[in-house]
Amino acid sequence: MTKVIDVAQQPETTEESAGALQSALAGVDGEAAAGAAADLPEAPTVPEWANDYDHEAKVTVSKQGWKNPGDVVKSYRELRAMNDGGEKVKIPSDPNDTEGWTALRTKLGMPETADGYEFPEVELAEGEVDLTPALRSAAHRHGLSQTQAEGMRRDLFSEFQKIEDEVATKAQADQATATSELQREWGDAYKDKMQTAKQATTLLGLDAKMNVAVEQAMGTKAFLERFAAIGESLGEHAGGAHGNQSGALGWTADSAREQVDAWRADPEWRQRYLAKESRTVTEYDSMMAIAHPGVHDTT
């Protein structure tokens, strides 16, 4: 503990008191020096040739593990070789330096033009849009390298696939709920009403893709209810043309078989059917379901 000397309260200086004062002051100086020494960081252990270096230099020698001055020279030579041999890239300080930033991004892997990005070819289904040109343009506009652009494309298409899967899963759940509700509401007439709804879409000229689009827009339950009602309405006015009203949309099994035979005898119709034209195939399946109820069931 530091001794506090109140000089004002000391007796008049005598040889004895002067000696005591000097001893006390010496004690104070000694304690202060010891405290200052304790505050210094511990000196690292270094080879003898580095003993005269300052503290920071000793720390560097210790951390690098240099055993002799030759290690220092070797380390310096390797550092110079790395800096001199590598390609230097200048980073523009002005954010509006278009030429400078373009040069930097080109050095980092951006192609000269958007067409320079190499993306895998994508197989497109009918009606799908190829996003590759837009992706190339966006990647080049933002100065992405080939690696960055490919990563962006891969992540983007992965997200698209997730969204498609979620939509498909929800659509399947909605369809299951809708058909379950209609089965309860229509009871024994469910199968006939479903067939009538499908026949109505055929006679109205809706192919498979159009059916899907309309169903998605209306919702499965409303779609089936509406087209079942349309089919029944058309059937009420079709009996005169097809003999009686016992079949879907007024077709009887006999009249449906006659229609199928007439189609099969038509070379142009056969050509469309063999080419799997959507509407022709749908019409045939629907008519066969009437011609042979319970055998050629499309529900």
Protein backbone atom coordinates (compact mmCIF):
# COMPACT_ATOMS: atom_id res chain seq x y z
CA MET A 1 0.00 0.00 0.00
CA THR A 2 1.27 3.52 -0.88
CA LYS A 3 2.35 5.55 2.13
CA VAL A 4 0.89 9.03 2.46
CA ILE A 5 3.22 11.63 3.95
CA ASP A 6 1.67 14.78 5.38
CA VAL A 7 4.61 17.14 5.39
CA ALA A 8 2.66 19.93 7.05
CA GLN A 9 2.23 17.82 10.19
CA GLN A 10 5.89 16.81 10.42
CA PRO A 11 8.01 18.31 13.21
CA GLU A 12 10.79 20.67 12.41
CA THR A 13 13.43 18.98 10.33
CA THR A 14 16.15 17.36 12.28
CA GLU A 15 18.74 14.91 11.10
CA GLU A 16 16.62 12.06 12.42
CA SER A 17 13.39 13.30 10.83
CA ALA A 18 15.13 14.08 7.54
CA GLY A 19 16.41 10.54 7.36
CA ALA A 20 12.94 9.13 8.05
CA LEU A 21 11.45 11.32 5.31
CA GLN A 22 13.99 10.18 2.76
CA SER A 23 13.31 6.55 3.64
CA ALA A 24 9.54 7.03 3.24
CA LEU A 25 9.94 8.74 -0.14
CA ALA A 26 12.24 6.00 -1.31
CA GLY A 27 9.55 3.48 -0.40
CA VAL A 28 6.98 5.38 -2.43
CA ASP A 29 9.23 5.51 -5.50
CA GLY A 30 9.96 1.79 -5.22
CA GLU A 31 6.30 0.81 -5.09
CA ALA A 32 5.46 3.05 -8.09
CA ALA A 33 8.26 1.52 -10.14
CA ALA A 34 7.10 -1.99 -9.29
CA GLY A 35 3.54 -1.12 -10.29
CA ALA A 36 4.66 0.32 -13.63
CA ALA A 37 6.69 -2.79 -14.36
CA ALA A 38 3.67 -4.98 -13.62
CA ASP A 39 1.63 -3.07 -16.23
CA LEU A 40 4.03 -3.95 -19.06
CA PRO A 41 3.03 -6.92 -21.26
CA GLU A 42 5.02 -10.06 -20.79
CA ALA A 43 8.01 -10.13 -23.12
CA PRO A 44 7.81 -13.01 -25.62
CA THR A 45 10.56 -15.57 -25.81
CA VAL A 46 12.77 -14.89 -28.85
CA PRO A 47 16.14 -16.14 -30.15
CA GLU A 48 19.23 -14.36 -28.86
CA TRP A 49 19.70 -12.40 -32.10
CA ALA A 50 16.36 -10.63 -31.48
CA ASN A 51 16.93 -9.69 -27.84
CA ASP A 52 17.59 -6.04 -28.68
CA TYR A 53 14.38 -5.63 -30.73
CA ASP A 54 11.49 -3.59 -29.37
CA HIS A 55 8.50 -5.36 -27.87
CA GLU A 56 6.33 -5.37 -31.04
CA ALA A 57 9.19 -6.71 -33.16
CA LYS A 58 9.79 -9.49 -30.63
CA VAL A 59 6.10 -10.42 -30.78
CA THR A 60 6.33 -10.69 -34.58
CA VAL A 61 9.47 -12.85 -34.43
CA SER A 62 7.80 -15.12 -31.88
CA LYS A 63 4.52 -15.49 -33.79
CA GLN A 64 6.23 -16.17 -37.14
CA GLY A 65 8.51 -18.73 -35.58
CA TRP A 66 11.64 -17.27 -37.14
CA LYS A 67 14.67 -19.13 -35.79
CA ASN A 68 17.37 -17.03 -37.45
CA PRO A 69 17.69 -13.85 -39.58
CA GLY A 70 17.66 -16.03 -42.72
CA ASP A 71 14.02 -16.96 -41.97
CA VAL A 72 13.12 -13.27 -42.01
CA VAL A 73 14.76 -12.77 -45.40
CA LYS A 74 13.07 -15.87 -46.82
CA SER A 75 9.66 -14.72 -45.63
CA TYR A 76 10.17 -11.29 -47.18
CA ARG A 77 11.33 -12.82 -50.48
CA GLU A 78 8.22 -15.06 -50.66
CA LEU A 79 5.94 -12.12 -49.95
CA ARG A 80 7.51 -10.06 -52.74
CA ALA A 81 7.23 -12.96 -55.19
CA MET A 82 3.55 -13.36 -54.38
CA ASN A 83 2.80 -9.65 -54.83
CA ASP A 84 4.89 -9.21 -57.96
CA GLY A 85 3.72 -12.41 -59.65
CA GLY A 86 -0.03 -11.97 -59.07
CA GLU A 87 -2.29 -9.97 -61.38
CA LYS A 88 -3.16 -6.66 -59.76
CA VAL A 89 -6.72 -5.35 -59.97
CA LYS A 90 -7.53 -1.72 -59.32
CA ILE A 91 -10.67 -1.09 -57.27
CA PRO A 92 -12.36 2.15 -58.40
CA SER A 93 -12.97 4.69 -55.66
CA ASP A 94 -15.73 6.46 -57.58
CA PRO A 95 -19.05 4.55 -57.69
CA ASN A 96 -19.82 6.33 -60.99
CA ASP A 97 -16.63 5.11 -62.66
CA THR A 98 -18.43 2.84 -65.13
CA GLU A 99 -15.32 1.98 -67.11
CA GLY A 100 -13.34 1.15 -63.97
CA TRP A 101 -16.05 -1.05 -62.48
CA THR A 102 -16.58 -2.83 -65.78
CA ALA A 103 -12.86 -3.58 -65.97
CA LEU A 104 -12.87 -4.90 -62.40
CA ARG A 105 -15.93 -7.10 -62.94
CA THR A 106 -14.44 -8.45 -66.16
CA LYS A 107 -11.28 -9.39 -64.26
CA LEU A 108 -13.47 -11.18 -61.69
CA GLY A 109 -15.23 -13.30 -64.32
CA MET A 110 -18.02 -11.25 -65.91
CA PRO A 111 -18.24 -12.00 -69.67
CA GLU A 112 -17.97 -9.14 -72.13
CA THR A 113 -21.61 -9.50 -73.21
CA ALA A 114 -24.74 -11.06 -71.71
CA ASP A 115 -24.60 -13.83 -74.33
CA GLY A 116 -21.29 -14.93 -72.83
CA TYR A 117 -22.99 -16.60 -69.84
CA GLU A 118 -23.10 -20.37 -70.31
CA PHE A 119 -26.35 -21.83 -68.96
CA PRO A 120 -27.67 -25.38 -69.46
CA GLU A 121 -30.39 -25.75 -72.06
CA VAL A 122 -33.89 -26.02 -70.61
CA GLU A 123 -36.56 -28.26 -72.11
CA LEU A 124 -39.78 -26.27 -72.31
CA ALA A 125 -43.28 -27.69 -72.32
CA GLU A 126 -45.86 -26.21 -74.66
CA GLY A 127 -46.79 -22.72 -73.53
CA GLU A 128 -43.82 -22.28 -71.19
CA VAL A 129 -41.54 -19.25 -71.54
CA ASP A 130 -37.75 -19.46 -71.71
CA LEU A 131 -36.35 -17.16 -69.01
CA THR A 132 -32.71 -17.73 -69.98
CA PRO A 133 -32.31 -14.52 -72.08
CA ALA A 134 -33.76 -12.40 -69.26
CA LEU A 135 -31.48 -14.08 -66.72
CA ARG A 136 -28.41 -13.44 -68.89
CA SER A 137 -29.38 -9.80 -69.28
CA ALA A 138 -29.98 -9.31 -65.54
CA ALA A 139 -26.72 -11.06 -64.59
CA HIS A 140 -24.67 -8.87 -66.94
CA ARG A 141 -26.47 -5.70 -65.86
CA HIS A 142 -25.48 -6.39 -62.25
CA GLY A 143 -21.92 -7.41 -63.10
CA LEU A 144 -22.10 -11.05 -62.01
CA SER A 145 -19.38 -13.54 -62.81
CA GLN A 146 -20.17 -16.81 -64.57
CA THR A 147 -20.14 -18.65 -61.24
CA GLN A 148 -22.41 -16.11 -59.57
CA ALA A 149 -24.84 -16.06 -62.50
CA GLU A 150 -25.10 -19.85 -62.59
CA GLY A 151 -25.71 -19.90 -58.84
CA MET A 152 -28.46 -17.28 -59.21
CA ARG A 153 -30.09 -19.27 -62.05
CA ARG A 154 -29.95 -22.52 -60.08
CA ASP A 155 -31.44 -20.95 -56.94
CA LEU A 156 -34.15 -19.18 -58.92
CA PHE A 157 -35.29 -22.31 -60.73
CA SER A 158 -35.21 -24.21 -57.45
CA GLU A 159 -37.61 -21.65 -55.97
CA PHE A 160 -39.84 -21.92 -59.05
CA GLN A 161 -39.99 -25.68 -58.61
CA LYS A 162 -40.93 -25.31 -54.95
CA ILE A 163 -43.76 -22.94 -55.87
CA GLU A 164 -45.02 -25.30 -58.59
CA ASP A 165 -44.96 -28.23 -56.17
CA GLU A 166 -46.87 -26.24 -53.56
CA VAL A 167 -49.49 -25.16 -56.12
CA ALA A 168 -49.89 -28.73 -57.41
CA THR A 169 -50.24 -30.10 -53.88
CA LYS A 170 -52.88 -27.51 -53.01
CA ALA A 171 -54.76 -28.18 -56.27
CA GLN A 172 -54.86 -31.91 -55.56
CA ALA A 173 -56.14 -31.26 -52.05
CA ASP A 174 -58.81 -28.88 -53.38
CA GLN A 175 -59.91 -31.40 -56.02
CA ALA A 176 -60.18 -34.17 -53.44
CA THR A 177 -62.26 -31.94 -51.17
CA ALA A 178 -64.52 -30.81 -54.04
CA THR A 179 -65.21 -34.31 -55.39
CA SER A 180 -65.86 -35.59 -51.87
CA GLU A 181 -68.43 -32.85 -51.29
CA LEU A 182 -70.11 -33.51 -54.67
CA GLN A 183 -70.28 -37.23 -53.98
CA ARG A 184 -72.24 -36.47 -50.82
CA GLU A 185 -74.46 -33.90 -52.54
CA TRP A 186 -75.15 -35.84 -55.77
CA GLY A 187 -75.34 -39.28 -54.20
CA ASP A 188 -76.12 -42.03 -56.73
CA ALA A 189 -76.17 -39.49 -59.58
CA TYR A 190 -72.52 -38.55 -58.99
CA LYS A 191 -71.03 -40.74 -61.73
CA ASP A 192 -73.57 -39.69 -64.36
CA LYS A 193 -73.18 -36.01 -63.54
CA MET A 194 -69.39 -36.24 -63.77
CA GLN A 195 -69.68 -37.89 -67.18
CA THR A 196 -72.18 -35.25 -68.30
CA ALA A 197 -69.81 -32.47 -67.20
CA LYS A 198 -66.97 -33.98 -69.21
CA GLN A 199 -69.18 -34.41 -72.27
CA ALA A 200 -70.22 -30.76 -71.99
CA THR A 201 -66.62 -29.53 -72.07
CA THR A 202 -66.01 -31.65 -75.17
CA LEU A 203 -69.01 -30.37 -77.09
CA LEU A 204 -68.13 -26.80 -76.14
CA GLY A 205 -64.68 -27.25 -77.68
CA LEU A 206 -62.56 -27.27 -74.52
CA ASP A 207 -59.45 -29.43 -74.81
CA ALA A 208 -57.51 -30.78 -71.82
CA LYS A 209 -55.41 -27.64 -71.32
CA MET A 210 -58.43 -25.37 -71.53
CA ASN A 211 -60.27 -27.57 -69.03
CA VAL A 212 -57.40 -27.21 -66.56
CA ALA A 213 -57.28 -23.45 -67.03
CA VAL A 214 -61.04 -23.02 -66.54
CA GLU A 215 -61.06 -25.34 -63.53
CA GLN A 216 -58.22 -23.42 -61.90
CA ALA A 217 -60.03 -20.14 -62.52
CA MET A 218 -63.43 -21.32 -61.23
CA GLY A 219 -62.40 -23.87 -58.62
CA THR A 220 -63.03 -27.60 -59.00
CA LYS A 221 -66.46 -27.75 -57.36
CA ALA A 222 -67.92 -24.76 -59.21
CA PHE A 223 -66.41 -26.03 -62.47
CA LEU A 224 -68.02 -29.48 -62.18
CA GLU A 225 -71.36 -28.10 -61.00
CA ARG A 226 -71.54 -25.58 -63.82
CA PHE A 227 -70.58 -27.97 -66.62
CA ALA A 228 -72.81 -30.74 -65.29
CA ALA A 229 -75.70 -28.28 -65.45
CA ILE A 230 -74.67 -27.18 -68.97
CA GLY A 231 -74.48 -30.80 -70.09
CA GLU A 232 -77.92 -31.58 -68.72
CA SER A 233 -79.34 -28.48 -70.41
CA LEU A 234 -77.80 -29.44 -73.76
CA GLY A 235 -79.06 -32.99 -73.37
CA GLU A 236 -82.63 -31.80 -72.95
CA HIS A 237 -82.45 -30.26 -76.42
CA ALA A 238 -80.55 -33.07 -78.12
CA GLY A 239 -83.05 -35.91 -77.90
CA GLY A 240 -84.56 -35.31 -81.35
CA ALA A 241 -81.20 -35.63 -83.04
CA HIS A 242 -80.12 -38.79 -81.27
CA GLY A 243 -83.26 -40.86 -80.71
CA ASN A 244 -84.04 -40.39 -77.02
CA GLN A 245 -82.77 -38.65 -73.91
CA SER A 246 -81.59 -41.67 -71.94
CA GLY A 247 -77.86 -41.11 -72.60
CA ALA A 248 -75.51 -38.27 -71.61
CA LEU A 249 -76.36 -35.14 -73.58
CA GLY A 250 -79.15 -37.08 -75.31
CA TRP A 251 -76.89 -39.77 -76.82
CA THR A 252 -78.05 -43.37 -76.51
CA ALA A 253 -75.61 -46.27 -76.50
CA ASP A 254 -76.74 -47.18 -80.04
CA SER A 255 -76.39 -43.66 -81.45
CA ALA A 256 -73.00 -43.28 -79.77
CA ARG A 257 -71.76 -46.50 -81.37
CA GLU A 258 -73.00 -45.27 -84.75
CA GLN A 259 -71.07 -42.05 -84.28
CA VAL A 260 -67.90 -43.96 -83.35
CA ASP A 261 -68.24 -46.14 -86.45
CA ALA A 262 -68.71 -43.05 -88.61
CA TRP A 263 -65.54 -41.47 -87.19
CA ARG A 264 -63.52 -44.62 -87.75
CA ALA A 265 -64.63 -44.68 -91.39
CA ASP A 266 -63.42 -41.12 -91.93
CA PRO A 267 -59.73 -41.05 -93.10
CA GLU A 268 -59.22 -37.47 -91.96
CA TRP A 269 -60.62 -38.25 -88.51
CA ARG A 270 -58.38 -41.31 -88.21
CA GLN A 271 -55.38 -39.18 -89.11
CA ARG A 272 -56.23 -36.66 -86.38
CA TYR A 273 -56.79 -39.44 -83.86
CA LEU A 274 -53.51 -41.19 -84.69
CA ALA A 275 -51.75 -37.84 -84.33
CA LYS A 276 -53.30 -37.70 -80.82
CA GLU A 277 -55.03 -34.41 -81.45
CA SER A 278 -56.36 -33.48 -78.02
CA ARG A 279 -59.96 -32.63 -78.94
CA THR A 280 -60.35 -35.67 -81.22
CA VAL A 281 -59.09 -38.06 -78.54
CA THR A 282 -61.32 -36.46 -75.90
CA GLU A 283 -64.39 -36.70 -78.15
CA TYR A 284 -63.67 -40.36 -78.89
CA ASP A 285 -63.18 -41.26 -75.22
CA SER A 286 -66.37 -39.46 -74.27
CA MET A 287 -68.43 -41.14 -76.99
CA MET A 288 -67.02 -44.57 -76.15
CA ALA A 289 -68.05 -44.04 -72.54
CA ILE A 290 -71.65 -43.59 -73.74
CA ALA A 291 -71.46 -46.39 -76.28
CA HIS A 292 -70.13 -48.89 -73.75
CA PRO A 293 -71.12 -47.65 -70.27
CA GLY A 294 -69.12 -49.18 -67.46
CA VAL A 295 -66.50 -50.55 -69.87
CA HIS A 296 -64.79 -47.46 -71.30
CA ASP A 297 -65.09 -45.28 -68.18
CA THR A 298 -63.19 -41.99 -68.20
CA THR A 299 -64.35 -40.78 -64.76
